[in-house]
């Protein structure tokens, strides 16, 4: 099993965006050292006091200089806000900074009406799936210099390393995004920490719709990652306490309180007690929004979930109240799964 990490750059209590980015850099360095395969950073808008991850392309540029071998990418850059050509230029530049190890994770999402208006984003597109597919194809064609002679964009050049363009991934949390990835013949990553109930259906749709494509950057066979919210601690009971933060944060989100994360103690108080540990064996069809456990328990849970959707790689996202707890969780999980640490000079 391969493991990867997606990081949202949360602002620590009493801290600033500078602290959030410093923590993200530390997390990326640790992930590389522990043997994680990829490190992706997210894009959220209008919540700068709680989430500093607004511009993956900027943060990835710094991470390129802070790491040596781990793959770096966006989870995701939100294409509905931007020009495909500009996105391609950004990822071409990133490839030149970290040759041969950039993933262009391409997704879409609307934020608040105010944030979308400030970004100049049209919230009401006549055919959103068709529009998104066209933008993905445009990014890939720019990155791989695939516009034919005579096309208005055929003379546009993108910076590149010479080690191969960034690898395109379609990211999403619905069967429609899975179908789109399949029809384009591209790699697919499903965000099960957003809509876990659609994970199995989404991968079934991805494989049913998959067609080998002439699109550059495509693959011959379906290739996927499932991203899950998971936190690890020495025991199942300790891990359940840490998971309380994710559970309480989701309840806050349902009440319209976006982007906040309580302390463990506050979360337990809001939930009315410590959550039950995630059982070592999940019932058929059961896919919790967040899971927790000791290294042994969590490794088994991740194996169950990866088997359900037929992938060999999982991407870990977690909601913890302190940066050090997140680092320790990644460390314990790497031990539980048996990742091979990279040798650092």
Protein backbone atom coordinates (compact mmCIF):
# COMPACT_ATOMS: atom_id res chain seq x y z
CA UNK A 1 0.00 0.00 0.00
CA UNK A 2 1.21 3.50 -0.84
CA UNK A 3 0.35 6.46 1.36
CA UNK A 4 0.29 10.15 0.53
CA UNK A 5 -0.70 13.36 2.34
CA UNK A 6 -2.93 16.32 1.50
CA UNK A 7 -2.43 19.42 3.65
CA UNK A 8 -4.82 22.37 4.06
CA UNK A 9 -2.38 24.71 5.87
CA UNK A 10 -4.63 25.33 8.90
CA UNK A 11 -3.80 28.44 10.91
CA UNK A 12 -2.91 27.39 14.48
CA UNK A 13 -4.79 28.96 17.36
CA UNK A 14 -3.15 32.29 18.13
CA UNK A 15 -1.00 32.00 15.02
CA UNK A 16 -0.82 33.46 11.54
CA UNK A 17 -0.56 32.31 7.93
CA UNK A 18 3.22 32.39 8.35
CA UNK A 19 2.89 29.76 11.09
CA UNK A 20 0.53 27.71 8.92
CA UNK A 21 2.95 27.66 6.00
CA UNK A 22 5.88 26.83 8.27
CA UNK A 23 3.88 23.86 9.57
CA UNK A 24 3.07 22.74 6.02
CA UNK A 25 6.77 22.83 5.12
CA UNK A 26 7.64 20.77 8.20
CA UNK A 27 4.90 18.27 7.36
CA UNK A 28 6.14 17.91 3.77
CA UNK A 29 9.72 17.31 4.91
CA UNK A 30 8.54 14.68 7.38
CA UNK A 31 6.33 12.98 4.78
CA UNK A 32 9.28 12.74 2.40
CA UNK A 33 11.54 11.32 5.12
CA UNK A 34 8.96 8.74 6.22
CA UNK A 35 8.39 7.38 2.72
CA UNK A 36 5.04 8.89 1.75
CA UNK A 37 4.60 8.98 -2.03
CA UNK A 38 3.05 12.42 -2.57
CA UNK A 39 2.40 15.66 -0.76
CA UNK A 40 -0.48 17.76 -2.09
CA UNK A 41 -1.73 21.13 -0.89
CA UNK A 42 -5.27 22.42 -1.10
CA UNK A 43 -7.10 25.54 -2.27
CA UNK A 44 -9.75 27.27 -0.16
CA UNK A 45 -10.85 30.89 -0.39
CA UNK A 46 -12.13 33.54 1.98
CA UNK A 47 -11.20 31.75 5.23
CA UNK A 48 -7.72 33.19 5.76
CA UNK A 49 -8.04 33.36 9.54
CA UNK A 50 -8.46 29.57 9.75
CA UNK A 51 -7.18 28.09 6.46
CA UNK A 52 -4.13 29.64 4.79
CA UNK A 53 -4.08 27.23 1.84
CA UNK A 54 -5.40 29.54 -0.88
CA UNK A 55 -2.78 29.30 -3.64
CA UNK A 56 -1.30 25.82 -4.22
CA UNK A 57 0.93 27.09 -7.02
CA UNK A 58 2.70 29.52 -4.66
CA UNK A 59 3.13 27.10 -1.77
CA UNK A 60 4.32 24.31 -4.08
CA UNK A 61 7.08 26.58 -5.34
CA UNK A 62 8.44 26.82 -1.81
CA UNK A 63 7.98 23.10 -1.18
CA UNK A 64 9.93 22.34 -4.35
CA UNK A 65 12.97 23.93 -2.73
CA UNK A 66 12.37 22.26 0.63
CA UNK A 67 12.12 18.67 -0.66
CA UNK A 68 14.12 16.44 -2.99
CA UNK A 69 12.21 13.34 -4.03
CA UNK A 70 8.57 13.28 -2.90
CA UNK A 71 5.99 14.11 -5.56
CA UNK A 72 4.29 17.47 -5.05
CA UNK A 73 0.88 18.52 -6.28
CA UNK A 74 -2.38 20.39 -5.91
CA UNK A 75 -5.31 18.90 -4.12
CA UNK A 76 -6.77 20.61 -6.08
CA UNK A 77 -6.31 23.75 -8.12
CA UNK A 78 -9.90 24.88 -8.76
CA UNK A 79 -10.20 25.25 -12.51
CA UNK A 80 -13.59 26.96 -12.47
CA UNK A 81 -11.85 30.10 -11.17
CA UNK A 82 -9.03 30.33 -13.69
CA UNK A 83 -7.76 30.39 -17.25
CA UNK A 84 -6.43 26.95 -18.28
CA UNK A 85 -3.43 28.60 -19.95
CA UNK A 86 -2.44 30.40 -16.76
CA UNK A 87 -2.81 27.18 -14.75
CA UNK A 88 -0.63 25.36 -17.28
CA UNK A 89 2.03 28.08 -17.05
CA UNK A 90 2.05 27.80 -13.26
CA UNK A 91 2.49 24.03 -13.34
CA UNK A 92 5.09 24.24 -16.07
CA UNK A 93 7.08 26.58 -13.84
CA UNK A 94 6.65 24.19 -10.91
CA UNK A 95 7.94 21.34 -13.05
CA UNK A 96 11.03 23.41 -13.78
CA UNK A 97 11.52 23.92 -10.03
CA UNK A 98 10.97 20.24 -9.14
CA UNK A 99 11.72 18.36 -12.36
CA UNK A 100 9.71 15.20 -12.92
CA UNK A 101 7.83 15.23 -9.61
CA UNK A 102 4.83 17.56 -10.04
CA UNK A 103 1.19 16.40 -10.05
CA UNK A 104 -1.39 18.77 -11.54
CA UNK A 105 -4.47 17.92 -9.48
CA UNK A 106 -7.40 19.55 -11.29
CA UNK A 107 -10.75 20.06 -9.59
CA UNK A 108 -13.63 22.49 -9.20
CA UNK A 109 -15.58 23.95 -6.32
CA UNK A 110 -17.63 27.00 -5.51
CA UNK A 111 -16.97 28.95 -2.35
CA UNK A 112 -19.14 31.60 -0.77
CA UNK A 113 -20.96 33.92 -3.19
CA UNK A 114 -18.70 36.77 -2.06
CA UNK A 115 -15.51 34.77 -2.66
CA UNK A 116 -16.65 33.61 -6.09
CA UNK A 117 -17.62 37.14 -7.04
CA UNK A 118 -14.25 38.45 -5.88
CA UNK A 119 -12.54 35.77 -7.99
CA UNK A 120 -14.63 36.68 -11.03
CA UNK A 121 -16.18 33.20 -11.14
CA UNK A 122 -19.47 32.47 -12.88
CA UNK A 123 -21.43 30.33 -10.43
CA UNK A 124 -24.06 29.33 -12.98
CA UNK A 125 -22.56 27.53 -15.99
CA UNK A 126 -25.01 26.04 -18.49
CA UNK A 127 -23.21 22.68 -18.72
CA UNK A 128 -20.73 22.47 -15.82
CA UNK A 129 -19.41 18.97 -16.65
CA UNK A 130 -18.73 19.89 -20.28
CA UNK A 131 -17.11 23.16 -19.24
CA UNK A 132 -14.89 21.40 -16.70
CA UNK A 133 -13.85 18.72 -19.18
CA UNK A 134 -12.91 21.37 -21.74
CA UNK A 135 -10.79 23.21 -19.18
CA UNK A 136 -8.99 20.03 -18.12
CA UNK A 137 -8.25 19.17 -21.74
CA UNK A 138 -6.97 22.70 -22.33
CA UNK A 139 -4.58 22.54 -19.37
CA UNK A 140 -3.22 19.19 -20.55
CA UNK A 141 -2.87 20.34 -24.16
CA UNK A 142 -0.93 23.40 -23.04
CA UNK A 143 1.33 21.39 -20.71
CA UNK A 144 2.11 18.74 -23.30
CA UNK A 145 2.26 21.11 -26.29
CA UNK A 146 -0.50 19.16 -28.03
CA UNK A 147 -2.31 21.91 -29.92
CA UNK A 148 -2.02 21.11 -33.65
CA UNK A 149 -0.42 23.43 -36.17
CA UNK A 150 -2.85 26.13 -37.16
CA UNK A 151 -4.58 26.20 -33.79
CA UNK A 152 -4.59 29.69 -32.23
CA UNK A 153 -2.67 28.31 -29.23
CA UNK A 154 -0.16 26.16 -31.12
CA UNK A 155 2.64 28.73 -30.78
CA UNK A 156 2.17 29.29 -27.04
CA UNK A 157 5.08 27.83 -25.09
CA UNK A 158 5.03 26.61 -21.50
CA UNK A 159 8.14 26.53 -19.26
CA UNK A 160 9.35 22.99 -18.69
CA UNK A 161 12.15 21.02 -17.08
CA UNK A 162 12.72 18.52 -19.85
CA UNK A 163 12.01 15.66 -17.40
CA UNK A 164 8.42 15.24 -18.53
CA UNK A 165 5.40 17.51 -17.95
CA UNK A 166 3.40 17.47 -14.71
CA UNK A 167 1.10 14.46 -14.38
CA UNK A 168 -2.59 15.42 -14.64
CA UNK A 169 -5.09 14.08 -12.11
CA UNK A 170 -8.84 14.68 -12.02
CA UNK A 171 -10.01 15.28 -8.45
CA UNK A 172 -13.57 15.14 -7.20
CA UNK A 173 -16.10 13.89 -4.66
CA UNK A 174 -18.94 12.69 -6.87
CA UNK A 175 -19.70 10.04 -9.49
CA UNK A 176 -19.91 12.79 -12.13
CA UNK A 177 -16.27 13.77 -11.60
CA UNK A 178 -15.35 10.08 -11.74
CA UNK A 179 -17.16 9.65 -15.05
CA UNK A 180 -15.40 12.69 -16.45
CA UNK A 181 -11.99 11.31 -15.43
CA UNK A 182 -12.83 7.99 -17.03
CA UNK A 183 -13.98 9.49 -20.32
CA UNK A 184 -10.78 11.55 -20.51
CA UNK A 185 -8.64 8.51 -19.68
CA UNK A 186 -6.92 10.34 -16.83
CA UNK A 187 -5.95 9.37 -13.28
CA UNK A 188 -8.61 9.97 -10.62
CA UNK A 189 -8.53 10.89 -6.93
CA UNK A 190 -11.74 10.73 -4.90
CA UNK A 191 -12.16 12.85 -1.75
CA UNK A 192 -13.86 10.39 0.58
CA UNK A 193 -13.45 12.78 3.52
CA UNK A 194 -16.04 15.01 1.81
CA UNK A 195 -18.62 12.50 0.53
CA UNK A 196 -17.67 9.03 1.75
CA UNK A 197 -21.07 7.61 0.79
CA UNK A 198 -20.19 7.97 -2.91
CA UNK A 199 -16.72 6.41 -2.81
CA UNK A 200 -17.60 2.95 -4.10
CA UNK A 201 -20.08 4.25 -6.66
CA UNK A 202 -17.57 6.85 -7.90
CA UNK A 203 -14.85 4.29 -8.58
CA UNK A 204 -17.34 1.96 -10.25
CA UNK A 205 -18.37 4.84 -12.50
CA UNK A 206 -14.74 5.71 -13.18
CA UNK A 207 -13.98 2.20 -14.37
CA UNK A 208 -17.24 1.84 -16.30
CA UNK A 209 -16.59 5.07 -18.19
CA UNK A 210 -12.85 4.63 -18.60
CA UNK A 211 -11.68 4.85 -22.19
CA UNK A 212 -8.01 4.97 -23.21
CA UNK A 213 -7.52 8.41 -24.66
CA UNK A 214 -5.30 10.19 -27.12
CA UNK A 215 -5.13 13.03 -24.60
CA UNK A 216 -1.55 13.55 -23.46
CA UNK A 217 -0.92 12.48 -19.87
CA UNK A 218 -3.61 9.81 -20.03
CA UNK A 219 -3.19 6.20 -18.87
CA UNK A 220 -3.94 2.85 -20.51
CA UNK A 221 -5.72 1.44 -17.46
CA UNK A 222 -7.70 3.10 -14.63
CA UNK A 223 -5.44 4.48 -11.90
CA UNK A 224 -6.81 6.00 -8.72
CA UNK A 225 -6.28 7.28 -5.20
CA UNK A 226 -8.85 7.52 -2.44
CA UNK A 227 -8.37 10.33 0.10
CA UNK A 228 -9.60 9.67 3.64
CA UNK A 229 -9.71 11.51 6.93
CA UNK A 230 -7.64 9.41 9.32
CA UNK A 231 -5.77 10.04 12.55
CA UNK A 232 -3.40 7.68 14.36
CA UNK A 233 -2.28 7.43 17.99
CA UNK A 234 -0.59 4.72 20.10
CA UNK A 235 -3.95 3.22 21.11
CA UNK A 236 -7.43 3.08 19.62
CA UNK A 237 -8.80 5.04 22.57
CA UNK A 238 -6.25 7.85 22.25
CA UNK A 239 -6.89 8.05 18.53
CA UNK A 240 -10.65 8.32 19.12
CA UNK A 241 -10.02 11.33 21.35
CA UNK A 242 -8.05 12.99 18.55
CA UNK A 243 -10.82 12.14 16.06
CA UNK A 244 -13.25 14.17 18.17
CA UNK A 245 -11.84 17.31 16.54
CA UNK A 246 -12.82 16.12 13.07
CA UNK A 247 -16.26 14.99 14.25
CA UNK A 248 -16.99 18.29 16.01
CA UNK A 249 -15.66 20.31 13.06
CA UNK A 250 -18.07 18.50 10.74
CA UNK A 251 -20.98 19.21 13.08
CA UNK A 252 -19.98 22.88 13.08
CA UNK A 253 -19.87 22.84 9.27
CA UNK A 254 -23.42 21.48 9.21
CA UNK A 255 -24.43 24.49 11.35
CA UNK A 256 -22.77 26.85 8.87
CA UNK A 257 -19.58 27.42 10.88
CA UNK A 258 -16.88 26.91 8.24
CA UNK A 259 -13.16 26.26 8.64
CA UNK A 260 -12.86 26.18 12.44
CA UNK A 261 -11.32 23.41 14.51
CA UNK A 262 -11.86 23.15 18.27
CA UNK A 263 -9.41 21.78 20.82
CA UNK A 264 -9.79 18.12 21.76
CA UNK A 265 -11.41 19.09 25.06
CA UNK A 266 -13.86 21.51 23.42
CA UNK A 267 -14.67 18.97 20.72
CA UNK A 268 -15.44 16.26 23.28
CA UNK A 269 -17.64 18.72 25.16
CA UNK A 270 -19.52 19.66 21.98
CA UNK A 271 -20.00 16.01 21.06
CA UNK A 272 -21.18 15.09 24.54
CA UNK A 273 -18.34 12.65 25.10
CA UNK A 274 -15.41 10.90 23.50
CA UNK A 275 -16.31 9.18 20.21
CA UNK A 276 -16.26 5.41 20.18
CA UNK A 277 -13.07 4.00 18.63
CA UNK A 278 -13.44 3.08 15.00
CA UNK A 279 -14.06 -0.69 14.92
CA UNK A 280 -11.21 -2.73 13.49
CA UNK A 281 -13.58 -4.24 10.92
CA UNK A 282 -16.10 -2.05 9.10
CA UNK A 283 -19.49 -3.41 8.12
CA UNK A 284 -20.11 -3.92 4.41
CA UNK A 285 -20.98 -0.57 2.89
CA UNK A 286 -19.90 1.35 6.00
CA UNK A 287 -17.55 4.24 5.20
CA UNK A 288 -17.15 6.70 8.09
CA UNK A 289 -16.37 10.33 7.31
CA UNK A 290 -13.35 10.03 9.64
CA UNK A 291 -11.52 7.01 11.01
CA UNK A 292 -8.99 6.57 13.80
CA UNK A 293 -6.93 3.93 15.50
CA UNK A 294 -3.61 2.57 16.61
CA UNK A 295 -1.05 1.90 13.88
CA UNK A 296 -2.20 -1.71 13.59
CA UNK A 297 -5.92 -0.88 13.60
CA UNK A 298 -5.62 1.98 11.16
CA UNK A 299 -3.45 0.00 8.75
CA UNK A 300 -6.17 -2.66 8.67
CA UNK A 301 -8.92 -0.09 8.14
CA UNK A 302 -7.07 1.54 5.27
CA UNK A 303 -6.56 -1.87 3.67
CA UNK A 304 -10.31 -2.53 3.88
CA UNK A 305 -11.20 0.80 2.28
CA UNK A 306 -8.60 0.52 -0.48
CA UNK A 307 -9.86 -2.99 -1.32
CA UNK A 308 -13.44 -1.72 -1.59
CA UNK A 309 -12.57 0.73 -4.36
CA UNK A 310 -9.70 -1.24 -5.87
CA UNK A 311 -6.82 1.20 -5.44
CA UNK A 312 -3.30 0.75 -4.08
CA UNK A 313 -2.77 4.29 -2.81
CA UNK A 314 -4.53 6.26 -0.09
CA UNK A 315 -4.12 9.94 0.62
CA UNK A 316 -4.38 11.01 4.27
CA UNK A 317 -6.16 14.16 5.35
CA UNK A 318 -6.74 14.88 9.01
CA UNK A 319 -8.29 17.53 11.24
CA UNK A 320 -6.27 17.83 14.45
CA UNK A 321 -6.04 20.65 16.94
CA UNK A 322 -2.23 20.78 17.20
CA UNK A 323 0.45 20.49 14.54
CA UNK A 324 2.59 18.12 16.63
CA UNK A 325 -0.30 15.66 16.96
CA UNK A 326 -0.61 15.60 13.19
CA UNK A 327 3.09 14.91 12.75
CA UNK A 328 2.94 12.10 15.29
CA UNK A 329 -0.09 10.64 13.53
CA UNK A 330 1.75 10.53 10.20
CA UNK A 331 4.75 8.94 11.90
CA UNK A 332 2.74 6.20 13.58
CA UNK A 333 0.71 5.51 10.47
CA UNK A 334 3.87 5.13 8.38
CA UNK A 335 5.11 2.56 10.90
CA UNK A 336 1.78 0.72 10.89
CA UNK A 337 1.62 0.43 7.11
CA UNK A 338 5.32 -0.34 6.83
CA UNK A 339 6.47 2.55 4.67
CA UNK A 340 10.17 2.48 3.83
CA UNK A 341 11.85 5.67 5.08
CA UNK A 342 13.88 7.63 2.57
CA UNK A 343 17.56 7.99 3.36
CA UNK A 344 18.37 11.63 3.99
CA UNK A 345 21.90 12.92 3.48
